Amino acid sequence: NLSLVLVGKIEEQGKLITETMEGIEGKVNYYSNEVK
């Protein structure tokens, strides 16, 4: 869209959860319930 200029990268807002999960190596980051 020639009228559109994106400013920076998309950002996320919400309660970030960081933890280990079975079957995944290392800690993971995710959102439950809601995120913007």
PDB file of all heavy atoms in Angstrom:
ATOM      1  N   ASN A   1       0.863  -1.169   0.000  1.00  0.00           N
ATOM      2  CA  ASN A   1       0.000   0.000   0.000  1.00  0.00           C
ATOM      3  C   ASN A   1       0.910   1.233   0.000  1.00  0.00           C
ATOM      4  O   ASN A   1       1.637   1.454   0.974  1.00  0.00           O
ATOM      5  CB  ASN A   1      -0.908  -0.016   1.236  1.00  0.00           C
ATOM      6  CG  ASN A   1      -1.890   1.119   1.265  1.00  0.00           C
ATOM      7  OD1 ASN A   1      -1.640   2.197   0.725  1.00  0.00           O
ATOM      8  ND2 ASN A   1      -3.017   0.891   1.919  1.00  0.00           N
ATOM      9  N   LEU A   2       0.891   2.005  -1.067  1.00  0.00           N
ATOM     10  CA  LEU A   2       1.784   3.152  -1.190  1.00  0.00           C
ATOM     11  C   LEU A   2       1.500   4.245  -0.155  1.00  0.00           C
ATOM     12  O   LEU A   2       2.357   5.067   0.124  1.00  0.00           O
ATOM     13  CB  LEU A   2       1.714   3.725  -2.607  1.00  0.00           C
ATOM     14  CG  LEU A   2       2.159   2.769  -3.725  1.00  0.00           C
ATOM     15  CD1 LEU A   2       1.991   3.427  -5.089  1.00  0.00           C
ATOM     16  CD2 LEU A   2       3.596   2.330  -3.514  1.00  0.00           C
ATOM     17  N   SER A   3       0.305   4.240   0.447  1.00  0.00           N
ATOM     18  CA  SER A   3      -0.052   5.234   1.457  1.00  0.00           C
ATOM     19  C   SER A   3       0.422   4.841   2.855  1.00  0.00           C
ATOM     20  O   SER A   3       0.331   5.630   3.780  1.00  0.00           O
ATOM     21  CB  SER A   3      -1.572   5.417   1.503  1.00  0.00           C
ATOM     22  OG  SER A   3      -2.055   5.857   0.263  1.00  0.00           O
ATOM     23  N   LEU A   4       0.908   3.626   3.005  1.00  0.00           N
ATOM     24  CA  LEU A   4       1.225   3.066   4.323  1.00  0.00           C
ATOM     25  C   LEU A   4       2.727   3.011   4.561  1.00  0.00           C
ATOM     26  O   LEU A   4       3.477   2.521   3.718  1.00  0.00           O
ATOM     27  CB  LEU A   4       0.644   1.654   4.427  1.00  0.00           C
ATOM     28  CG  LEU A   4       1.017   0.827   5.649  1.00  0.00           C
ATOM     29  CD1 LEU A   4       0.432   1.436   6.916  1.00  0.00           C
ATOM     30  CD2 LEU A   4       0.522  -0.603   5.481  1.00  0.00           C
ATOM     31  N   VAL A   5       3.141   3.501   5.736  1.00  0.00           N
ATOM     32  CA  VAL A   5       4.527   3.364   6.179  1.00  0.00           C
ATOM     33  C   VAL A   5       4.500   2.676   7.545  1.00  0.00           C
ATOM     34  O   VAL A   5       3.889   3.186   8.493  1.00  0.00           O
ATOM     35  CB  VAL A   5       5.237   4.738   6.295  1.00  0.00           C
ATOM     36  CG1 VAL A   5       6.646   4.568   6.854  1.00  0.00           C
ATOM     37  CG2 VAL A   5       5.261   5.448   4.958  1.00  0.00           C
ATOM     38  N   LEU A   6       5.129   1.516   7.635  1.00  0.00           N
ATOM     39  CA  LEU A   6       5.250   0.836   8.922  1.00  0.00           C
ATOM     40  C   LEU A   6       6.367   1.506   9.705  1.00  0.00           C
ATOM     41  O   LEU A   6       7.444   1.736   9.176  1.00  0.00           O
ATOM     42  CB  LEU A   6       5.561  -0.650   8.723  1.00  0.00           C
ATOM     43  CG  LEU A   6       4.542  -1.468   7.925  1.00  0.00           C
ATOM     44  CD1 LEU A   6       5.033  -2.900   7.755  1.00  0.00           C
ATOM     45  CD2 LEU A   6       3.181  -1.439   8.573  1.00  0.00           C
ATOM     46  N   VAL A   7       6.111   1.792  10.970  1.00  0.00           N
ATOM     47  CA  VAL A   7       7.091   2.453  11.829  1.00  0.00           C
ATOM     48  C   VAL A   7       7.568   1.434  12.860  1.00  0.00           C
ATOM     49  O   VAL A   7       6.826   1.053  13.766  1.00  0.00           O
ATOM     50  CB  VAL A   7       6.485   3.693  12.528  1.00  0.00           C
ATOM     51  CG1 VAL A   7       7.518   4.342  13.441  1.00  0.00           C
ATOM     52  CG2 VAL A   7       5.943   4.684  11.504  1.00  0.00           C
ATOM     53  N   GLY A   8       8.798   0.973  12.706  1.00  0.00           N
ATOM     54  CA  GLY A   8       9.332  -0.028  13.627  1.00  0.00           C
ATOM     55  C   GLY A   8       8.706  -1.394  13.393  1.00  0.00           C
ATOM     56  O   GLY A   8       7.994  -1.625  12.412  1.00  0.00           O
ATOM     57  N   LYS A   9       8.980  -2.285  14.328  1.00  0.00           N
ATOM     58  CA  LYS A   9       8.468  -3.652  14.250  1.00  0.00           C
ATOM     59  C   LYS A   9       7.222  -3.779  15.114  1.00  0.00           C
ATOM     60  O   LYS A   9       6.992  -2.984  16.015  1.00  0.00           O
ATOM     61  CB  LYS A   9       9.530  -4.643  14.725  1.00  0.00           C
ATOM     62  CG  LYS A   9      10.737  -4.708  13.821  1.00  0.00           C
ATOM     63  CD  LYS A   9      11.705  -5.751  14.293  1.00  0.00           C
ATOM     64  CE  LYS A   9      12.898  -5.834  13.340  1.00  0.00           C
ATOM     65  NZ  LYS A   9      13.823  -6.891  13.707  1.00  0.00           N
ATOM     66  N   ILE A  10       6.462  -4.833  14.837  1.00  0.00           N
ATOM     67  CA  ILE A  10       5.277  -5.099  15.645  1.00  0.00           C
ATOM     68  C   ILE A  10       5.715  -5.452  17.065  1.00  0.00           C
ATOM     69  O   ILE A  10       6.740  -6.119  17.257  1.00  0.00           O
ATOM     70  CB  ILE A  10       4.393  -6.191  14.998  1.00  0.00           C
ATOM     71  CG1 ILE A  10       2.999  -6.155  15.590  1.00  0.00           C
ATOM     72  CG2 ILE A  10       5.009  -7.557  15.116  1.00  0.00           C
ATOM     73  CD1 ILE A  10       1.927  -6.667  14.669  1.00  0.00           C
ATOM     74  N   GLU A  11       4.960  -4.971  18.040  1.00  0.00           N
ATOM     75  CA  GLU A  11       5.260  -5.225  19.452  1.00  0.00           C
ATOM     76  C   GLU A  11       4.114  -6.006  20.062  1.00  0.00           C
ATOM     77  O   GLU A  11       2.987  -5.962  19.564  1.00  0.00           O
ATOM     78  CB  GLU A  11       5.434  -3.899  20.198  1.00  0.00           C
ATOM     79  CG  GLU A  11       6.580  -3.057  19.662  1.00  0.00           C
ATOM     80  CD  GLU A  11       6.648  -1.679  20.303  1.00  0.00           C
ATOM     81  OE1 GLU A  11       5.835  -1.389  21.214  1.00  0.00           O
ATOM     82  OE2 GLU A  11       7.505  -0.886  19.880  1.00  0.00           O
ATOM     83  N   GLU A  12       4.404  -6.699  21.153  1.00  0.00           N
ATOM     84  CA  GLU A  12       3.361  -7.450  21.855  1.00  0.00           C
ATOM     85  C   GLU A  12       3.215  -6.914  23.275  1.00  0.00           C
ATOM     86  O   GLU A  12       4.191  -6.464  23.882  1.00  0.00           O
ATOM     87  CB  GLU A  12       3.682  -8.950  21.857  1.00  0.00           C
ATOM     88  CG  GLU A  12       5.050  -9.291  22.395  1.00  0.00           C
ATOM     89  CD  GLU A  12       5.499 -10.720  22.115  1.00  0.00           C
ATOM     90  OE1 GLU A  12       4.802 -11.479  21.424  1.00  0.00           O
ATOM     91  OE2 GLU A  12       6.564 -11.083  22.612  1.00  0.00           O
ATOM     92  N   GLN A  13       1.975  -6.951  23.772  1.00  0.00           N
ATOM     93  CA  GLN A  13       1.687  -6.521  25.134  1.00  0.00           C
ATOM     94  C   GLN A  13       0.794  -7.556  25.792  1.00  0.00           C
ATOM     95  O   GLN A  13      -0.218  -7.963  25.217  1.00  0.00           O
ATOM     96  CB  GLN A  13       0.954  -5.182  25.158  1.00  0.00           C
ATOM     97  CG  GLN A  13       1.787  -3.994  24.832  1.00  0.00           C
ATOM     98  CD  GLN A  13       0.983  -2.706  24.953  1.00  0.00           C
ATOM     99  OE1 GLN A  13      -0.213  -2.712  25.210  1.00  0.00           O
ATOM    100  NE2 GLN A  13       1.650  -1.593  24.754  1.00  0.00           N
ATOM    101  N   GLY A  14       1.174  -7.956  26.972  1.00  0.00           N
ATOM    102  CA  GLY A  14       0.391  -8.924  27.724  1.00  0.00           C
ATOM    103  C   GLY A  14       1.240  -9.484  28.845  1.00  0.00           C
ATOM    104  O   GLY A  14       2.371  -9.039  29.073  1.00  0.00           O
ATOM    105  N   LYS A  15       0.707 -10.466  29.537  1.00  0.00           N
ATOM    106  CA  LYS A  15       1.433 -11.102  30.626  1.00  0.00           C
ATOM    107  C   LYS A  15       2.258 -12.258  30.050  1.00  0.00           C
ATOM    108  O   LYS A  15       1.747 -13.349  29.812  1.00  0.00           O
ATOM    109  CB  LYS A  15       0.471 -11.611  31.699  1.00  0.00           C
ATOM    110  CG  LYS A  15       1.187 -12.183  32.894  1.00  0.00           C
ATOM    111  CD  LYS A  15       0.229 -12.665  33.952  1.00  0.00           C
ATOM    112  CE  LYS A  15       1.065 -13.240  35.087  1.00  0.00           C
ATOM    113  NZ  LYS A  15       0.299 -14.138  35.928  1.00  0.00           N
ATOM    114  N   LEU A  16       3.538 -11.987  29.836  1.00  0.00           N
ATOM    115  CA  LEU A  16       4.437 -12.981  29.255  1.00  0.00           C
ATOM    116  C   LEU A  16       4.728 -14.074  30.277  1.00  0.00           C
ATOM    117  O   LEU A  16       5.062 -13.779  31.435  1.00  0.00           O
ATOM    118  CB  LEU A  16       5.742 -12.321  28.809  1.00  0.00           C
ATOM    119  CG  LEU A  16       6.755 -13.224  28.119  1.00  0.00           C
ATOM    120  CD1 LEU A  16       6.219 -13.700  26.780  1.00  0.00           C
ATOM    121  CD2 LEU A  16       8.076 -12.493  27.929  1.00  0.00           C
ATOM    122  N   ILE A  17       4.612 -15.315  29.845  1.00  0.00           N
ATOM    123  CA  ILE A  17       4.930 -16.466  30.693  1.00  0.00           C
ATOM    124  C   ILE A  17       6.204 -17.093  30.139  1.00  0.00           C
ATOM    125  O   ILE A  17       6.297 -17.375  28.945  1.00  0.00           O
ATOM    126  CB  ILE A  17       3.781 -17.495  30.702  1.00  0.00           C
ATOM    127  CG1 ILE A  17       2.503 -16.832  31.235  1.00  0.00           C
ATOM    128  CG2 ILE A  17       4.159 -18.721  31.519  1.00  0.00           C
ATOM    129  CD1 ILE A  17       1.247 -17.636  31.011  1.00  0.00           C
ATOM    130  N   THR A  18       7.187 -17.296  31.013  1.00  0.00           N
ATOM    131  CA  THR A  18       8.443 -17.930  30.630  1.00  0.00           C
ATOM    132  C   THR A  18       8.630 -19.152  31.519  1.00  0.00           C
ATOM    133  O   THR A  18       8.616 -19.034  32.747  1.00  0.00           O
ATOM    134  CB  THR A  18       9.627 -16.954  30.818  1.00  0.00           C
ATOM    135  OG1 THR A  18       9.409 -15.802  30.011  1.00  0.00           O
ATOM    136  CG2 THR A  18      10.946 -17.609  30.414  1.00  0.00           C
ATOM    137  N   GLU A  19       8.782 -20.326  30.889  1.00  0.00           N
ATOM    138  CA  GLU A  19       8.955 -21.553  31.657  1.00  0.00           C
ATOM    139  C   GLU A  19       9.505 -22.653  30.753  1.00  0.00           C
ATOM    140  O   GLU A  19       9.595 -22.475  29.539  1.00  0.00           O
ATOM    141  CB  GLU A  19       7.635 -21.995  32.301  1.00  0.00           C
ATOM    142  CG  GLU A  19       6.558 -22.387  31.315  1.00  0.00           C
ATOM    143  CD  GLU A  19       5.237 -22.756  31.981  1.00  0.00           C
ATOM    144  OE1 GLU A  19       5.043 -22.423  33.158  1.00  0.00           O
ATOM    145  OE2 GLU A  19       4.405 -23.382  31.319  1.00  0.00           O
ATOM    146  N   THR A  20       9.854 -23.762  31.362  1.00  0.00           N
ATOM    147  CA  THR A  20      10.250 -24.926  30.579  1.00  0.00           C
ATOM    148  C   THR A  20       9.010 -25.768  30.312  1.00  0.00           C
ATOM    149  O   THR A  20       8.061 -25.755  31.093  1.00  0.00           O
ATOM    150  CB  THR A  20      11.302 -25.781  31.324  1.00  0.00           C
ATOM    151  OG1 THR A  20      10.765 -26.179  32.585  1.00  0.00           O
ATOM    152  CG2 THR A  20      12.592 -25.012  31.525  1.00  0.00           C
ATOM    153  N   MET A  21       9.011 -26.470  29.179  1.00  0.00           N
ATOM    154  CA  MET A  21       7.911 -27.356  28.809  1.00  0.00           C
ATOM    155  C   MET A  21       8.491 -28.699  28.407  1.00  0.00           C
ATOM    156  O   MET A  21       9.530 -28.753  27.760  1.00  0.00           O
ATOM    157  CB  MET A  21       7.096 -26.801  27.637  1.00  0.00           C
ATOM    158  CG  MET A  21       6.193 -25.685  27.972  1.00  0.00           C
ATOM    159  SD  MET A  21       5.180 -25.305  26.514  1.00  0.00           S
ATOM    160  CE  MET A  21       4.027 -24.190  27.254  1.00  0.00           C
ATOM    161  N   GLU A  22       7.769 -29.732  28.771  1.00  0.00           N
ATOM    162  CA  GLU A  22       8.195 -31.080  28.416  1.00  0.00           C
ATOM    163  C   GLU A  22       8.267 -31.215  26.898  1.00  0.00           C
ATOM    164  O   GLU A  22       7.376 -30.767  26.174  1.00  0.00           O
ATOM    165  CB  GLU A  22       7.197 -32.105  28.971  1.00  0.00           C
ATOM    166  CG  GLU A  22       7.661 -33.527  28.794  1.00  0.00           C
ATOM    167  CD  GLU A  22       6.709 -34.516  29.455  1.00  0.00           C
ATOM    168  OE1 GLU A  22       6.063 -34.166  30.452  1.00  0.00           O
ATOM    169  OE2 GLU A  22       6.650 -35.647  28.943  1.00  0.00           O
ATOM    170  N   GLY A  23       9.358 -31.761  26.413  1.00  0.00           N
ATOM    171  CA  GLY A  23       9.536 -31.989  24.983  1.00  0.00           C
ATOM    172  C   GLY A  23      10.159 -30.828  24.237  1.00  0.00           C
ATOM    173  O   GLY A  23      10.394 -30.924  23.040  1.00  0.00           O
ATOM    174  N   ILE A  24      10.414 -29.713  24.934  1.00  0.00           N
ATOM    175  CA  ILE A  24      11.030 -28.556  24.291  1.00  0.00           C
ATOM    176  C   ILE A  24      12.308 -28.220  25.046  1.00  0.00           C
ATOM    177  O   ILE A  24      12.295 -28.085  26.266  1.00  0.00           O
ATOM    178  CB  ILE A  24      10.095 -27.324  24.283  1.00  0.00           C
ATOM    179  CG1 ILE A  24       8.810 -27.652  23.528  1.00  0.00           C
ATOM    180  CG2 ILE A  24      10.789 -26.126  23.662  1.00  0.00           C
ATOM    181  CD1 ILE A  24       7.785 -26.532  23.548  1.00  0.00           C
ATOM    182  N   GLU A  25      13.374 -28.076  24.297  1.00  0.00           N
ATOM    183  CA  GLU A  25      14.666 -27.762  24.899  1.00  0.00           C
ATOM    184  C   GLU A  25      14.741 -26.275  25.242  1.00  0.00           C
ATOM    185  O   GLU A  25      14.437 -25.425  24.404  1.00  0.00           O
ATOM    186  CB  GLU A  25      15.767 -28.120  23.896  1.00  0.00           C
ATOM    187  CG  GLU A  25      17.125 -28.279  24.512  1.00  0.00           C
ATOM    188  CD  GLU A  25      18.106 -28.825  23.500  1.00  0.00           C
ATOM    189  OE1 GLU A  25      17.851 -29.908  22.952  1.00  0.00           O
ATOM    190  OE2 GLU A  25      19.111 -28.143  23.261  1.00  0.00           O
ATOM    191  N   GLY A  26      15.096 -25.950  26.460  1.00  0.00           N
ATOM    192  CA  GLY A  26      15.227 -24.564  26.894  1.00  0.00           C
ATOM    193  C   GLY A  26      13.903 -23.965  27.340  1.00  0.00           C
ATOM    194  O   GLY A  26      12.838 -24.551  27.181  1.00  0.00           O
ATOM    195  N   LYS A  27      13.983 -22.763  27.886  1.00  0.00           N
ATOM    196  CA  LYS A  27      12.778 -22.057  28.334  1.00  0.00           C
ATOM    197  C   LYS A  27      12.051 -21.449  27.142  1.00  0.00           C
ATOM    198  O   LYS A  27      12.678 -21.013  26.182  1.00  0.00           O
ATOM    199  CB  LYS A  27      13.145 -20.953  29.328  1.00  0.00           C
ATOM    200  CG  LYS A  27      13.599 -21.485  30.666  1.00  0.00           C
ATOM    201  CD  LYS A  27      13.799 -20.355  31.657  1.00  0.00           C
ATOM    202  CE  LYS A  27      14.177 -20.960  33.008  1.00  0.00           C
ATOM    203  NZ  LYS A  27      14.309 -19.912  34.030  1.00  0.00           N
ATOM    204  N   VAL A  28      10.716 -21.440  27.227  1.00  0.00           N
ATOM    205  CA  VAL A  28       9.888 -20.871  26.172  1.00  0.00           C
ATOM    206  C   VAL A  28       9.096 -19.682  26.708  1.00  0.00           C
ATOM    207  O   VAL A  28       8.864 -19.564  27.910  1.00  0.00           O
ATOM    208  CB  VAL A  28       8.925 -21.914  25.569  1.00  0.00           C
ATOM    209  CG1 VAL A  28       9.684 -22.965  24.793  1.00  0.00           C
ATOM    210  CG2 VAL A  28       8.056 -22.549  26.631  1.00  0.00           C
ATOM    211  N   ASN A  29       8.681 -18.801  25.798  1.00  0.00           N
ATOM    212  CA  ASN A  29       7.899 -17.608  26.126  1.00  0.00           C
ATOM    213  C   ASN A  29       6.577 -17.681  25.379  1.00  0.00           C
ATOM    214  O   ASN A  29       6.563 -17.899  24.161  1.00  0.00           O
ATOM    215  CB  ASN A  29       8.651 -16.341  25.689  1.00  0.00           C
ATOM    216  CG  ASN A  29      10.013 -16.254  26.330  1.00  0.00           C
ATOM    217  OD1 ASN A  29      10.157 -16.354  27.538  1.00  0.00           O
ATOM    218  ND2 ASN A  29      11.036 -16.066  25.509  1.00  0.00           N
ATOM    219  N   TYR A  30       5.487 -17.476  26.116  1.00  0.00           N
ATOM    220  CA  TYR A  30       4.169 -17.528  25.497  1.00  0.00           C
ATOM    221  C   TYR A  30       3.163 -16.701  26.287  1.00  0.00           C
ATOM    222  O   TYR A  30       3.460 -16.199  27.366  1.00  0.00           O
ATOM    223  CB  TYR A  30       3.682 -18.972  25.352  1.00  0.00           C
ATOM    224  CG  TYR A  30       3.459 -19.692  26.667  1.00  0.00           C
ATOM    225  CD1 TYR A  30       2.203 -19.661  27.290  1.00  0.00           C
ATOM    226  CD2 TYR A  30       4.467 -20.407  27.291  1.00  0.00           C
ATOM    227  CE1 TYR A  30       1.988 -20.313  28.484  1.00  0.00           C
ATOM    228  CE2 TYR A  30       4.252 -21.069  28.478  1.00  0.00           C
ATOM    229  CZ  TYR A  30       3.009 -21.020  29.075  1.00  0.00           C
ATOM    230  OH  TYR A  30       2.796 -21.667  30.258  1.00  0.00           O
ATOM    231  N   TYR A  31       1.968 -16.559  25.709  1.00  0.00           N
ATOM    232  CA  TYR A  31       0.866 -15.823  26.323  1.00  0.00           C
ATOM    233  C   TYR A  31      -0.349 -16.739  26.430  1.00  0.00           C
ATOM    234  O   TYR A  31      -0.635 -17.497  25.510  1.00  0.00           O
ATOM    235  CB  TYR A  31       0.482 -14.600  25.487  1.00  0.00           C
ATOM    236  CG  TYR A  31       1.562 -13.551  25.443  1.00  0.00           C
ATOM    237  CD1 TYR A  31       2.505 -13.534  24.418  1.00  0.00           C
ATOM    238  CD2 TYR A  31       1.655 -12.582  26.435  1.00  0.00           C
ATOM    239  CE1 TYR A  31       3.498 -12.579  24.383  1.00  0.00           C
ATOM    240  CE2 TYR A  31       2.654 -11.625  26.409  1.00  0.00           C
ATOM    241  CZ  TYR A  31       3.574 -11.631  25.383  1.00  0.00           C
ATOM    242  OH  TYR A  31       4.572 -10.690  25.354  1.00  0.00           O
ATOM    243  N   SER A  32      -1.052 -16.621  27.547  1.00  0.00           N
ATOM    244  CA  SER A  32      -2.349 -17.274  27.740  1.00  0.00           C
ATOM    245  C   SER A  32      -3.386 -16.179  27.922  1.00  0.00           C
ATOM    246  O   SER A  32      -3.043 -15.027  28.189  1.00  0.00           O
ATOM    247  CB  SER A  32      -2.326 -18.166  28.985  1.00  0.00           C
ATOM    248  OG  SER A  32      -1.462 -19.254  28.808  1.00  0.00           O
ATOM    249  N   ASN A  33      -4.641 -16.524  27.822  1.00  0.00           N
ATOM    250  CA  ASN A  33      -5.776 -15.618  28.047  1.00  0.00           C
ATOM    251  C   ASN A  33      -5.872 -14.524  26.988  1.00  0.00           C
ATOM    252  O   ASN A  33      -6.796 -14.524  26.209  1.00  0.00           O
ATOM    253  CB  ASN A  33      -5.756 -15.000  29.444  1.00  0.00           C
ATOM    254  CG  ASN A  33      -5.801 -16.047  30.525  1.00  0.00           C
ATOM    255  OD1 ASN A  33      -6.507 -17.037  30.397  1.00  0.00           O
ATOM    256  ND2 ASN A  33      -5.032 -15.851  31.575  1.00  0.00           N
ATOM    257  N   GLU A  34      -4.924 -13.569  26.973  1.00  0.00           N
ATOM    258  CA  GLU A  34      -5.013 -12.484  26.001  1.00  0.00           C
ATOM    259  C   GLU A  34      -3.658 -11.855  25.751  1.00  0.00           C
ATOM    260  O   GLU A  34      -2.750 -11.929  26.576  1.00  0.00           O
ATOM    261  CB  GLU A  34      -6.008 -11.419  26.469  1.00  0.00           C
ATOM    262  CG  GLU A  34      -5.629 -10.742  27.760  1.00  0.00           C
ATOM    263  CD  GLU A  34      -6.699  -9.776  28.263  1.00  0.00           C
ATOM    264  OE1 GLU A  34      -7.819  -9.777  27.729  1.00  0.00           O
ATOM    265  OE2 GLU A  34      -6.397  -9.023  29.185  1.00  0.00           O
ATOM    266  N   VAL A  35      -3.543 -11.242  24.594  1.00  0.00           N
ATOM    267  CA  VAL A  35      -2.330 -10.522  24.211  1.00  0.00           C
ATOM    268  C   VAL A  35      -2.719  -9.522  23.120  1.00  0.00           C
ATOM    269  O   VAL A  35      -3.701  -9.728  22.395  1.00  0.00           O
ATOM    270  CB  VAL A  35      -1.218 -11.490  23.717  1.00  0.00           C
ATOM    271  CG1 VAL A  35      -1.659 -12.277  22.507  1.00  0.00           C
ATOM    272  CG2 VAL A  35       0.086 -10.755  23.450  1.00  0.00           C
ATOM    273  N   LYS A  36      -1.988  -8.418  23.061  1.00  0.00           N
ATOM    274  CA  LYS A  36      -2.175  -7.428  22.008  1.00  0.00           C
ATOM    275  C   LYS A  36      -0.897  -7.348  21.185  1.00  0.00           C
ATOM    276  O   LYS A  36       0.201  -7.359  21.732  1.00  0.00           O
ATOM    277  CB  LYS A  36      -2.451  -6.043  22.597  1.00  0.00           C
ATOM    278  CG  LYS A  36      -3.772  -5.914  23.274  1.00  0.00           C
ATOM    279  CD  LYS A  36      -3.979  -4.512  23.810  1.00  0.00           C
ATOM    280  CE  LYS A  36      -5.316  -4.441  24.508  1.00  0.00           C
ATOM    281  NZ  LYS A  36      -5.674  -3.085  24.890  1.00  0.00           N
TER     282      LYS A  36
END
